[in-house]
Amino acid sequence: MEPEPLSDPRFLGYRRRLIEEIRESGTDSLEILQLFDQVPRHLFVPEGVHPRAYDDTPVSIGYGQTASQPSLQAFYLDVLKPTKNERVLEVGTGSGYLTALLALTADRVYSVERVRELSLRARRALDQLGLANVALLVGDGTIGWRKYAPYHVIVVSAASPSVPSTLLNQLADPGRMLVPVGTRKEQDLIFVRKEGGNVTQESVRERCTFVPLLGSGGWGDSGSPDRRR
């Protein structure tokens, strides 16, 4: 019989070490640190990389995608501060690990992923943890998920040449969005705030590296900037 994910003795010590590394990286919010103690990262990465599941580094999850560095995901949560009465749109489900963290902080999470296999894998892990407030969609995340808009918080986990206008249109007022913007090689994390009809953008972290945001509102399916926007 498989041990429960949170009590699996193979990973308890590693998870606590990761939490300490996240704290040392600059996230000292007790609420955020506790989230990382509630979500076992090894459930969200392929079995072949389980030995690295609790390293504070990006981890390959196949299909040319990576699970982001946990301390960076903690930074996302610290900047955006989702609350229990808010809807969140996540662009790029990926492993589903950040999806799970968001689900513990928000009312509902709507997450879009281009790669069907990754979305299915994330669904299995989320179900194993009993996180029922997450809806997943396979499709082009750069066009958002209009059915459930507007969103109080939008999280973009891949690099775009600019802030996608379609996502900005689906952001509530007031609302917050975090998106990596720059070249395919290097980006700044841009914090977007909409309030009272005004939109502001601020760089909150420089020189990051994310996988490219592919789709009609990002780099285009060919990997080149989409000039039709």
C-alpha atoms as a PDB file:
ATOM      1  CA  MET A   1       0.000   0.000   0.000  1.00  0.00           C
ATOM      2  CA  GLU A   2       1.384   3.414  -1.000  1.00  0.00           C
ATOM      3  CA  PRO A   3       1.959   5.875   1.880  1.00  0.00           C
ATOM      4  CA  GLU A   4      -0.127   9.044   2.014  1.00  0.00           C
ATOM      5  CA  PRO A   5       1.572  11.838  -0.008  1.00  0.00           C
ATOM      6  CA  LEU A   6       2.156  14.136   2.974  1.00  0.00           C
ATOM      7  CA  SER A   7       3.340  11.433   5.344  1.00  0.00           C
ATOM      8  CA  ASP A   8       5.607   9.563   2.933  1.00  0.00           C
ATOM      9  CA  PRO A   9       8.818   9.263   5.024  1.00  0.00           C
ATOM     10  CA  ARG A  10      10.978   9.329   1.909  1.00  0.00           C
ATOM     11  CA  PHE A  11      10.183  12.991   1.332  1.00  0.00           C
ATOM     12  CA  LEU A  12       9.334  14.611   4.677  1.00  0.00           C
ATOM     13  CA  GLY A  13      12.859  15.807   5.433  1.00  0.00           C
ATOM     14  CA  TYR A  14      13.431  17.029   1.897  1.00  0.00           C
ATOM     15  CA  ARG A  15      10.212  19.060   1.963  1.00  0.00           C
ATOM     16  CA  ARG A  16      11.167  20.765   5.223  1.00  0.00           C
ATOM     17  CA  ARG A  17      14.607  21.565   3.790  1.00  0.00           C
ATOM     18  CA  LEU A  18      12.973  23.117   0.743  1.00  0.00           C
ATOM     19  CA  ILE A  19      10.786  25.301   2.962  1.00  0.00           C
ATOM     20  CA  GLU A  20      13.875  26.568   4.759  1.00  0.00           C
ATOM     21  CA  GLU A  21      15.537  27.366   1.417  1.00  0.00           C
ATOM     22  CA  ILE A  22      12.450  29.283   0.311  1.00  0.00           C
ATOM     23  CA  ARG A  23      12.536  31.251   3.549  1.00  0.00           C
ATOM     24  CA  GLU A  24      16.227  32.046   3.049  1.00  0.00           C
ATOM     25  CA  SER A  25      15.493  33.225  -0.508  1.00  0.00           C
ATOM     26  CA  GLY A  26      13.400  36.065   0.895  1.00  0.00           C
ATOM     27  CA  THR A  27       9.865  34.723   1.418  1.00  0.00           C
ATOM     28  CA  ASP A  28       9.220  34.885   5.139  1.00  0.00           C
ATOM     29  CA  SER A  29       5.409  34.806   5.105  1.00  0.00           C
ATOM     30  CA  LEU A  30       4.342  31.981   7.410  1.00  0.00           C
ATOM     31  CA  GLU A  31       1.130  31.479   5.411  1.00  0.00           C
ATOM     32  CA  ILE A  32       3.059  30.951   2.174  1.00  0.00           C
ATOM     33  CA  LEU A  33       5.664  28.683   3.753  1.00  0.00           C
ATOM     34  CA  GLN A  34       2.880  26.523   5.191  1.00  0.00           C
ATOM     35  CA  LEU A  35       1.465  26.071   1.689  1.00  0.00           C
ATOM     36  CA  PHE A  36       4.694  24.387   0.607  1.00  0.00           C
ATOM     37  CA  ASP A  37       4.361  22.031   3.560  1.00  0.00           C
ATOM     38  CA  GLN A  38       0.856  21.067   2.429  1.00  0.00           C
ATOM     39  CA  VAL A  39       1.678  20.240  -1.195  1.00  0.00           C
ATOM     40  CA  PRO A  40       4.062  17.314  -1.894  1.00  0.00           C
ATOM     41  CA  ARG A  41       6.019  18.363  -4.982  1.00  0.00           C
ATOM     42  CA  HIS A  42       7.010  14.810  -5.903  1.00  0.00           C
ATOM     43  CA  LEU A  43       3.398  14.124  -6.905  1.00  0.00           C
ATOM     44  CA  PHE A  44       3.685  16.748  -9.638  1.00  0.00           C
ATOM     45  CA  VAL A  45       6.900  15.695 -11.358  1.00  0.00           C
ATOM     46  CA  PRO A  46       7.766  12.533 -13.315  1.00  0.00           C
ATOM     47  CA  GLU A  47       8.959   9.622 -11.208  1.00  0.00           C
ATOM     48  CA  GLY A  48      12.357   9.737 -12.900  1.00  0.00           C
ATOM     49  CA  VAL A  49      13.112  13.142 -11.335  1.00  0.00           C
ATOM     50  CA  HIS A  50      11.742  12.359  -7.857  1.00  0.00           C
ATOM     51  CA  PRO A  51      15.262  12.636  -6.365  1.00  0.00           C
ATOM     52  CA  ARG A  52      15.240  16.333  -7.415  1.00  0.00           C
ATOM     53  CA  ALA A  53      11.623  17.042  -6.531  1.00  0.00           C
ATOM     54  CA  TYR A  54      12.531  19.073  -3.450  1.00  0.00           C
ATOM     55  CA  ASP A  55      15.543  20.902  -4.822  1.00  0.00           C
ATOM     56  CA  ASP A  56      14.971  24.631  -5.190  1.00  0.00           C
ATOM     57  CA  THR A  57      15.568  24.416  -8.927  1.00  0.00           C
ATOM     58  CA  PRO A  58      13.498  24.068 -12.101  1.00  0.00           C
ATOM     59  CA  VAL A  59      12.769  20.432 -12.978  1.00  0.00           C
ATOM     60  CA  SER A  60      12.085  19.003 -16.417  1.00  0.00           C
ATOM     61  CA  ILE A  61       8.566  17.578 -16.744  1.00  0.00           C
ATOM     62  CA  GLY A  62       8.795  16.515 -20.377  1.00  0.00           C
ATOM     63  CA  TYR A  63       7.377  17.943 -23.608  1.00  0.00           C
ATOM     64  CA  GLY A  64       9.951  20.726 -23.519  1.00  0.00           C
ATOM     65  CA  GLN A  65       8.496  22.135 -20.295  1.00  0.00           C
ATOM     66  CA  THR A  66       9.803  22.648 -16.773  1.00  0.00           C
ATOM     67  CA  ALA A  67       8.358  22.972 -13.301  1.00  0.00           C
ATOM     68  CA  SER A  68       9.526  26.369 -12.051  1.00  0.00           C
ATOM     69  CA  GLN A  69      11.868  26.905  -9.119  1.00  0.00           C
ATOM     70  CA  PRO A  70       9.773  26.690  -5.910  1.00  0.00           C
ATOM     71  CA  SER A  71      11.242  29.875  -4.418  1.00  0.00           C
ATOM     72  CA  LEU A  72      10.154  31.719  -7.573  1.00  0.00           C
ATOM     73  CA  GLN A  73       6.650  30.321  -7.193  1.00  0.00           C
ATOM     74  CA  ALA A  74       6.679  31.508  -3.584  1.00  0.00           C
ATOM     75  CA  PHE A  75       7.610  34.949  -4.913  1.00  0.00           C
ATOM     76  CA  TYR A  76       4.606  34.809  -7.254  1.00  0.00           C
ATOM     77  CA  LEU A  77       2.316  34.078  -4.319  1.00  0.00           C
ATOM     78  CA  ASP A  78       3.897  36.810  -2.206  1.00  0.00           C
ATOM     79  CA  VAL A  79       3.418  39.430  -4.929  1.00  0.00           C
ATOM     80  CA  LEU A  80      -0.097  38.449  -6.021  1.00  0.00           C
ATOM     81  CA  LYS A  81      -1.541  37.486  -2.615  1.00  0.00           C
ATOM     82  CA  PRO A  82      -4.657  35.619  -3.809  1.00  0.00           C
ATOM     83  CA  THR A  83      -7.468  35.425  -1.258  1.00  0.00           C
ATOM     84  CA  LYS A  84     -10.294  33.001  -0.542  1.00  0.00           C
ATOM     85  CA  ASN A  85     -12.914  35.155  -2.259  1.00  0.00           C
ATOM     86  CA  GLU A  86     -11.007  35.523  -5.549  1.00  0.00           C
ATOM     87  CA  ARG A  87     -10.949  33.721  -8.891  1.00  0.00           C
ATOM     88  CA  VAL A  88      -7.544  32.970 -10.408  1.00  0.00           C
ATOM     89  CA  LEU A  89      -6.624  32.310 -14.025  1.00  0.00           C
ATOM     90  CA  GLU A  90      -3.370  30.411 -14.509  1.00  0.00           C
ATOM     91  CA  VAL A  91      -1.805  30.406 -17.958  1.00  0.00           C
ATOM     92  CA  GLY A  92       0.408  27.329 -18.212  1.00  0.00           C
ATOM     93  CA  THR A  93      -0.661  24.530 -15.863  1.00  0.00           C
ATOM     94  CA  GLY A  94       2.629  22.709 -16.413  1.00  0.00           C
ATOM     95  CA  SER A  95       3.209  20.261 -13.593  1.00  0.00           C
ATOM     96  CA  GLY A  96       0.199  21.537 -11.643  1.00  0.00           C
ATOM     97  CA  TYR A  97       2.289  22.284  -8.550  1.00  0.00           C
ATOM     98  CA  LEU A  98       1.659  26.042  -8.581  1.00  0.00           C
ATOM     99  CA  THR A  99      -1.960  25.253  -9.456  1.00  0.00           C
ATOM    100  CA  ALA A 100      -2.232  23.312  -6.204  1.00  0.00           C
ATOM    101  CA  LEU A 101      -0.640  26.114  -4.186  1.00  0.00           C
ATOM    102  CA  LEU A 102      -3.064  28.610  -5.728  1.00  0.00           C
ATOM    103  CA  ALA A 103      -6.014  26.320  -5.009  1.00  0.00           C
ATOM    104  CA  LEU A 104      -5.209  26.476  -1.301  1.00  0.00           C
ATOM    105  CA  THR A 105      -5.301  30.274  -1.311  1.00  0.00           C
ATOM    106  CA  ALA A 106      -8.117  31.206  -3.731  1.00  0.00           C
ATOM    107  CA  ASP A 107     -11.808  30.462  -4.180  1.00  0.00           C
ATOM    108  CA  ARG A 108     -11.454  28.943  -7.656  1.00  0.00           C
ATOM    109  CA  VAL A 109      -8.532  28.346 -10.015  1.00  0.00           C
ATOM    110  CA  TYR A 110      -8.973  28.084 -13.787  1.00  0.00           C
ATOM    111  CA  SER A 111      -5.825  26.772 -15.443  1.00  0.00           C
ATOM    112  CA  VAL A 112      -5.063  26.434 -19.158  1.00  0.00           C
ATOM    113  CA  GLU A 113      -2.345  24.192 -20.628  1.00  0.00           C
ATOM    114  CA  ARG A 114      -1.393  23.586 -24.274  1.00  0.00           C
ATOM    115  CA  VAL A 115      -0.032  20.060 -23.731  1.00  0.00           C
ATOM    116  CA  ARG A 116      -2.831  17.573 -23.076  1.00  0.00           C
ATOM    117  CA  GLU A 117      -0.563  15.010 -21.410  1.00  0.00           C
ATOM    118  CA  LEU A 118       0.639  17.578 -18.853  1.00  0.00           C
ATOM    119  CA  SER A 119      -2.913  18.669 -18.104  1.00  0.00           C
ATOM    120  CA  LEU A 120      -3.996  15.073 -17.521  1.00  0.00           C
ATOM    121  CA  ARG A 121      -1.009  14.407 -15.268  1.00  0.00           C
ATOM    122  CA  ALA A 122      -1.733  17.559 -13.259  1.00  0.00           C
ATOM    123  CA  ARG A 123      -5.378  16.521 -12.897  1.00  0.00           C
ATOM    124  CA  ARG A 124      -4.380  13.182 -11.395  1.00  0.00           C
ATOM    125  CA  ALA A 125      -2.110  14.836  -8.830  1.00  0.00           C
ATOM    126  CA  LEU A 126      -4.704  17.468  -7.906  1.00  0.00           C
ATOM    127  CA  ASP A 127      -7.345  14.775  -7.473  1.00  0.00           C
ATOM    128  CA  GLN A 128      -5.002  12.756  -5.281  1.00  0.00           C
ATOM    129  CA  LEU A 129      -4.801  15.761  -2.944  1.00  0.00           C
ATOM    130  CA  GLY A 130      -8.560  16.272  -3.049  1.00  0.00           C
ATOM    131  CA  LEU A 131      -8.341  19.772  -4.547  1.00  0.00           C
ATOM    132  CA  ALA A 132     -11.792  20.131  -6.067  1.00  0.00           C
ATOM    133  CA  ASN A 133     -11.751  23.902  -6.696  1.00  0.00           C
ATOM    134  CA  VAL A 134      -9.587  23.668  -9.851  1.00  0.00           C
ATOM    135  CA  ALA A 135     -10.859  23.574 -13.424  1.00  0.00           C
ATOM    136  CA  LEU A 136      -8.401  22.593 -16.171  1.00  0.00           C
ATOM    137  CA  LEU A 137      -8.600  23.338 -19.873  1.00  0.00           C
ATOM    138  CA  VAL A 138      -6.410  22.150 -22.742  1.00  0.00           C
ATOM    139  CA  GLY A 139      -5.915  24.993 -25.205  1.00  0.00           C
ATOM    140  CA  ASP A 140      -4.213  28.284 -25.995  1.00  0.00           C
ATOM    141  CA  GLY A 141      -3.722  29.998 -22.652  1.00  0.00           C
ATOM    142  CA  THR A 142      -2.764  33.303 -24.273  1.00  0.00           C
ATOM    143  CA  ILE A 143      -6.421  33.883 -25.109  1.00  0.00           C
ATOM    144  CA  GLY A 144      -7.424  33.142 -21.520  1.00  0.00           C
ATOM    145  CA  TRP A 145     -10.678  31.470 -20.518  1.00  0.00           C
ATOM    146  CA  ARG A 146     -13.425  33.944 -21.316  1.00  0.00           C
ATOM    147  CA  LYS A 147     -16.278  31.849 -19.892  1.00  0.00           C
ATOM    148  CA  TYR A 148     -15.245  32.539 -16.282  1.00  0.00           C
ATOM    149  CA  ALA A 149     -13.770  36.028 -16.686  1.00  0.00           C
ATOM    150  CA  PRO A 150     -13.103  38.448 -15.143  1.00  0.00           C
ATOM    151  CA  TYR A 151     -10.376  37.162 -12.855  1.00  0.00           C
ATOM    152  CA  HIS A 152      -9.086  38.922  -9.762  1.00  0.00           C
ATOM    153  CA  VAL A 153      -5.652  37.356 -10.278  1.00  0.00           C
ATOM    154  CA  ILE A 154      -3.938  36.149 -13.464  1.00  0.00           C
ATOM    155  CA  VAL A 155      -0.746  34.106 -13.241  1.00  0.00           C
ATOM    156  CA  VAL A 156       1.330  33.610 -16.389  1.00  0.00           C
ATOM    157  CA  SER A 157       4.045  30.967 -16.083  1.00  0.00           C
ATOM    158  CA  ALA A 158       5.741  31.410 -19.469  1.00  0.00           C
ATOM    159  CA  ALA A 159       7.587  34.269 -21.170  1.00  0.00           C
ATOM    160  CA  SER A 160       5.762  36.655 -23.488  1.00  0.00           C
ATOM    161  CA  PRO A 161       7.153  39.406 -25.764  1.00  0.00           C
ATOM    162  CA  SER A 162       4.589  41.762 -24.173  1.00  0.00           C
ATOM    163  CA  VAL A 163       1.658  41.717 -21.762  1.00  0.00           C
ATOM    164  CA  PRO A 164      -1.052  39.815 -23.701  1.00  0.00           C
ATOM    165  CA  SER A 165      -3.932  42.207 -24.360  1.00  0.00           C
ATOM    166  CA  THR A 166      -6.517  39.409 -24.242  1.00  0.00           C
ATOM    167  CA  LEU A 167      -5.477  38.513 -20.706  1.00  0.00           C
ATOM    168  CA  LEU A 168      -5.495  42.162 -19.692  1.00  0.00           C
ATOM    169  CA  ASN A 169      -9.077  42.401 -20.946  1.00  0.00           C
ATOM    170  CA  GLN A 170     -10.043  39.430 -18.737  1.00  0.00           C
ATOM    171  CA  LEU A 171      -8.479  40.970 -15.626  1.00  0.00           C
ATOM    172  CA  ALA A 172     -11.004  42.255 -13.106  1.00  0.00           C
ATOM    173  CA  ASP A 173     -11.020  45.827 -11.851  1.00  0.00           C
ATOM    174  CA  PRO A 174      -9.465  45.786  -9.336  1.00  0.00           C
ATOM    175  CA  GLY A 175      -7.142  42.953 -10.315  1.00  0.00           C
ATOM    176  CA  ARG A 176      -3.494  41.822 -10.417  1.00  0.00           C
ATOM    177  CA  MET A 177      -1.453  39.933 -12.988  1.00  0.00           C
ATOM    178  CA  LEU A 178       2.129  38.694 -13.041  1.00  0.00           C
ATOM    179  CA  VAL A 179       3.761  37.844 -16.382  1.00  0.00           C
ATOM    180  CA  PRO A 180       7.376  37.384 -17.556  1.00  0.00           C
ATOM    181  CA  VAL A 181       8.025  39.815 -20.434  1.00  0.00           C
ATOM    182  CA  GLY A 182      11.119  40.101 -22.602  1.00  0.00           C
ATOM    183  CA  THR A 183      13.055  38.084 -25.151  1.00  0.00           C
ATOM    184  CA  ARG A 184      13.068  34.316 -25.491  1.00  0.00           C
ATOM    185  CA  LYS A 185      16.345  34.242 -23.546  1.00  0.00           C
ATOM    186  CA  GLU A 186      15.682  36.663 -20.684  1.00  0.00           C
ATOM    187  CA  GLN A 187      12.686  38.377 -19.132  1.00  0.00           C
ATOM    188  CA  ASP A 188      11.576  40.687 -16.352  1.00  0.00           C
ATOM    189  CA  LEU A 189       8.637  39.748 -14.173  1.00  0.00           C
ATOM    190  CA  ILE A 190       6.010  42.422 -14.763  1.00  0.00           C
ATOM    191  CA  PHE A 191       3.371  43.101 -12.122  1.00  0.00           C
ATOM    192  CA  VAL A 192       0.228  44.508 -13.704  1.00  0.00           C
ATOM    193  CA  ARG A 193      -2.423  46.201 -11.620  1.00  0.00           C
ATOM    194  CA  LYS A 194      -5.837  47.331 -12.846  1.00  0.00           C
ATOM    195  CA  GLU A 195      -7.752  49.664 -10.569  1.00  0.00           C
ATOM    196  CA  GLY A 196     -10.334  52.364 -11.206  1.00  0.00           C
ATOM    197  CA  GLY A 197      -9.977  51.919 -14.934  1.00  0.00           C
ATOM    198  CA  ASN A 198      -6.235  52.577 -14.783  1.00  0.00           C
ATOM    199  CA  VAL A 199      -3.577  49.990 -15.648  1.00  0.00           C
ATOM    200  CA  THR A 200      -0.046  50.154 -14.253  1.00  0.00           C
ATOM    201  CA  GLN A 201       2.939  47.919 -14.983  1.00  0.00           C
ATOM    202  CA  GLU A 202       5.991  47.484 -12.771  1.00  0.00           C
ATOM    203  CA  SER A 203       9.045  45.243 -13.015  1.00  0.00           C
ATOM    204  CA  VAL A 204       9.321  43.314  -9.753  1.00  0.00           C
ATOM    205  CA  ARG A 205      12.174  40.956 -10.699  1.00  0.00           C
ATOM    206  CA  GLU A 206      14.780  41.251 -13.432  1.00  0.00           C
ATOM    207  CA  ARG A 207      16.669  38.739 -15.567  1.00  0.00           C
ATOM    208  CA  CYS A 208      14.451  35.676 -15.254  1.00  0.00           C
ATOM    209  CA  THR A 209      14.303  32.763 -17.661  1.00  0.00           C
ATOM    210  CA  PHE A 210      11.017  31.048 -18.519  1.00  0.00           C
ATOM    211  CA  VAL A 211       9.927  28.767 -21.326  1.00  0.00           C
ATOM    212  CA  PRO A 212       8.256  30.760 -24.148  1.00  0.00           C
ATOM    213  CA  LEU A 213       4.543  31.520 -24.035  1.00  0.00           C
ATOM    214  CA  LEU A 214       3.316  29.964 -27.272  1.00  0.00           C
ATOM    215  CA  GLY A 215       0.006  30.908 -28.802  1.00  0.00           C
ATOM    216  CA  SER A 216      -1.832  33.669 -30.600  1.00  0.00           C
ATOM    217  CA  GLY A 217      -1.238  36.175 -27.789  1.00  0.00           C
ATOM    218  CA  GLY A 218       2.401  35.260 -27.120  1.00  0.00           C
ATOM    219  CA  TRP A 219       5.201  34.105 -29.408  1.00  0.00           C
ATOM    220  CA  GLY A 220       2.818  32.482 -31.874  1.00  0.00           C
ATOM    221  CA  ASP A 221       2.695  28.766 -32.565  1.00  0.00           C
ATOM    222  CA  SER A 222       5.847  29.060 -34.655  1.00  0.00           C
ATOM    223  CA  GLY A 223       7.867  30.510 -31.782  1.00  0.00           C
ATOM    224  CA  SER A 224       8.039  33.987 -33.341  1.00  0.00           C
ATOM    225  CA  PRO A 225       6.255  37.047 -31.936  1.00  0.00           C
ATOM    226  CA  ASP A 226       2.678  37.235 -33.160  1.00  0.00           C
ATOM    227  CA  ARG A 227       2.352  40.570 -34.995  1.00  0.00           C
ATOM    228  CA  ARG A 228      -1.399  40.306 -35.478  1.00  0.00           C
ATOM    229  CA  ARG A 229      -2.257  41.575 -32.009  1.00  0.00           C
END
